Amino acid sequence: MDSDDDTLPPSADGQEIGFPKSSLHKLLSTILPAESGYSTTPRTFAFISQCALEFTHLIAAQANECAEKKGKNAIGGEHVIEAMQELGFENYLKLVKEEYEKHKEYTKVIRRIYSFQWL
């Protein structure tokens, strides 16, 4: 990223890629103490968004490799967990596994709701 440029690099189709500024602002204000004095400039948001995007790409690429090794065409939560283990992010696994279990339960509930609508 050019130091004089406050925008994210374009994707292959020429559009900017990144996370919504409102989501990043909420994340920063939730995680960082108010007295931390973090900057809310467009450059700061672009930098944080780029870091988050790179992290997401890293995990997704490794999860894809895990899925391919098992002959799967789609990435599942178990592949993300395996990828995080392989990449050395063990410190986050407890929370990720808890959230994955919540997601599976939520998915079951949604499937039940939609299955009743079609009866």
Protein backbone atom coordinates (compact mmCIF):
# COMPACT_ATOMS: atom_id res chain seq x y z
CA MET A 1 0.00 0.00 0.00
CA ASP A 2 1.38 3.40 -0.98
CA SER A 3 2.06 5.59 2.05
CA ASP A 4 0.28 8.53 0.38
CA ASP A 5 -2.80 6.48 -0.43
CA ASP A 6 -5.62 6.08 2.09
CA THR A 7 -7.45 3.43 0.10
CA LEU A 8 -7.09 -0.31 -0.04
CA PRO A 9 -5.52 -1.98 -3.06
CA PRO A 10 -8.03 -3.02 -5.71
CA SER A 11 -9.09 -6.62 -6.13
CA ALA A 12 -8.67 -8.51 -9.39
CA ASP A 13 -11.88 -6.94 -10.72
CA GLY A 14 -10.70 -3.42 -9.84
CA GLN A 15 -12.94 -2.88 -6.82
CA GLU A 16 -11.63 -2.01 -3.39
CA ILE A 17 -11.63 -4.89 -0.94
CA GLY A 18 -11.76 -4.76 2.81
CA PHE A 19 -13.98 -4.67 5.85
CA PRO A 20 -16.66 -2.02 6.47
CA LYS A 21 -15.36 0.99 8.40
CA SER A 22 -18.31 0.83 10.80
CA SER A 23 -17.43 -2.77 11.70
CA LEU A 24 -13.78 -1.89 12.24
CA HIS A 25 -14.68 1.12 14.36
CA LYS A 26 -16.99 -1.00 16.53
CA LEU A 27 -14.30 -3.67 16.86
CA LEU A 28 -11.64 -1.15 17.85
CA SER A 29 -13.87 0.65 20.33
CA THR A 30 -14.88 -2.69 21.88
CA ILE A 31 -11.40 -4.15 22.17
CA LEU A 32 -9.21 -1.12 22.85
CA PRO A 33 -9.60 1.00 25.98
CA ALA A 34 -10.86 4.55 25.38
CA GLU A 35 -7.62 6.00 26.73
CA SER A 36 -5.55 4.07 24.14
CA GLY A 37 -5.92 6.99 21.76
CA TYR A 38 -6.06 4.93 18.58
CA SER A 39 -6.36 6.92 15.41
CA THR A 40 -9.57 6.91 13.39
CA THR A 41 -8.07 8.31 10.21
CA PRO A 42 -8.86 6.69 6.87
CA ARG A 43 -5.24 5.51 6.70
CA THR A 44 -5.59 3.71 10.03
CA PHE A 45 -8.81 2.02 8.96
CA ALA A 46 -7.27 1.04 5.63
CA PHE A 47 -4.24 -0.46 7.40
CA ILE A 48 -6.31 -2.42 9.92
CA SER A 49 -8.67 -3.59 7.19
CA GLN A 50 -5.72 -4.77 5.09
CA CYS A 51 -4.28 -6.69 8.07
CA ALA A 52 -7.62 -8.35 8.76
CA LEU A 53 -7.99 -9.20 5.09
CA GLU A 54 -4.51 -10.75 4.95
CA PHE A 55 -5.26 -12.81 8.07
CA THR A 56 -8.53 -13.99 6.54
CA HIS A 57 -6.79 -14.95 3.30
CA LEU A 58 -4.09 -16.84 5.21
CA ILE A 59 -6.62 -18.87 7.20
CA ALA A 60 -8.86 -19.47 4.17
CA ALA A 61 -5.97 -20.65 1.98
CA GLN A 62 -4.76 -23.08 4.64
CA ALA A 63 -8.33 -24.28 5.32
CA ASN A 64 -8.75 -24.87 1.59
CA GLU A 65 -5.61 -27.03 1.60
CA CYS A 66 -7.00 -28.98 4.57
CA ALA A 67 -10.29 -29.53 2.74
CA GLU A 68 -8.53 -30.64 -0.45
CA LYS A 69 -6.40 -33.15 1.49
CA LYS A 70 -9.65 -34.74 2.66
CA GLY A 71 -11.17 -34.72 -0.81
CA LYS A 72 -13.69 -31.98 0.01
CA ASN A 73 -14.70 -29.26 -2.41
CA ALA A 74 -15.89 -26.79 0.22
CA ILE A 75 -14.27 -25.41 3.36
CA GLY A 76 -16.02 -26.33 6.60
CA GLY A 77 -15.54 -25.13 10.14
CA GLU A 78 -13.44 -28.18 10.95
CA HIS A 79 -11.05 -27.18 8.15
CA VAL A 80 -10.70 -23.68 9.60
CA ILE A 81 -9.90 -25.16 13.01
CA GLU A 82 -7.35 -27.52 11.48
CA ALA A 83 -5.81 -24.64 9.52
CA MET A 84 -5.48 -22.52 12.64
CA GLN A 85 -3.73 -25.41 14.41
CA GLU A 86 -1.33 -25.87 11.48
CA LEU A 87 -0.58 -22.14 11.36
CA GLY A 88 0.16 -21.92 15.09
CA PHE A 89 -2.93 -20.06 16.28
CA GLU A 90 -3.62 -22.49 19.14
CA ASN A 91 -4.31 -19.61 21.55
CA TYR A 92 -7.53 -18.83 19.67
CA LEU A 93 -8.79 -22.37 19.22
CA LYS A 94 -10.89 -22.61 22.38
CA LEU A 95 -12.91 -19.53 21.41
CA VAL A 96 -13.13 -20.58 17.76
CA LYS A 97 -14.37 -24.05 18.71
CA GLU A 98 -16.97 -22.56 21.06
CA GLU A 99 -18.23 -20.23 18.33
CA TYR A 100 -18.27 -23.07 15.81
CA GLU A 101 -20.45 -25.15 18.14
CA LYS A 102 -22.83 -22.19 18.54
CA HIS A 103 -22.94 -21.83 14.77
CA LYS A 104 -23.79 -25.50 14.31
CA GLU A 105 -26.62 -25.25 16.84
CA TYR A 106 -27.94 -22.08 15.19
CA THR A 107 -27.84 -23.80 11.80
CA LYS A 108 -29.86 -26.74 13.17
CA VAL A 109 -32.51 -24.36 14.50
CA ILE A 110 -32.73 -22.47 11.21
CA ARG A 111 -33.05 -25.72 9.25
CA ARG A 112 -35.88 -26.84 11.54
CA ILE A 113 -37.68 -23.53 11.11
CA TYR A 114 -37.43 -23.66 7.32
CA SER A 115 -38.40 -27.32 7.16
CA PHE A 116 -41.67 -26.51 8.98
CA GLN A 117 -42.46 -23.72 6.54
CA TRP A 118 -42.44 -26.12 3.60
CA LEU A 119 -44.67 -28.82 5.11
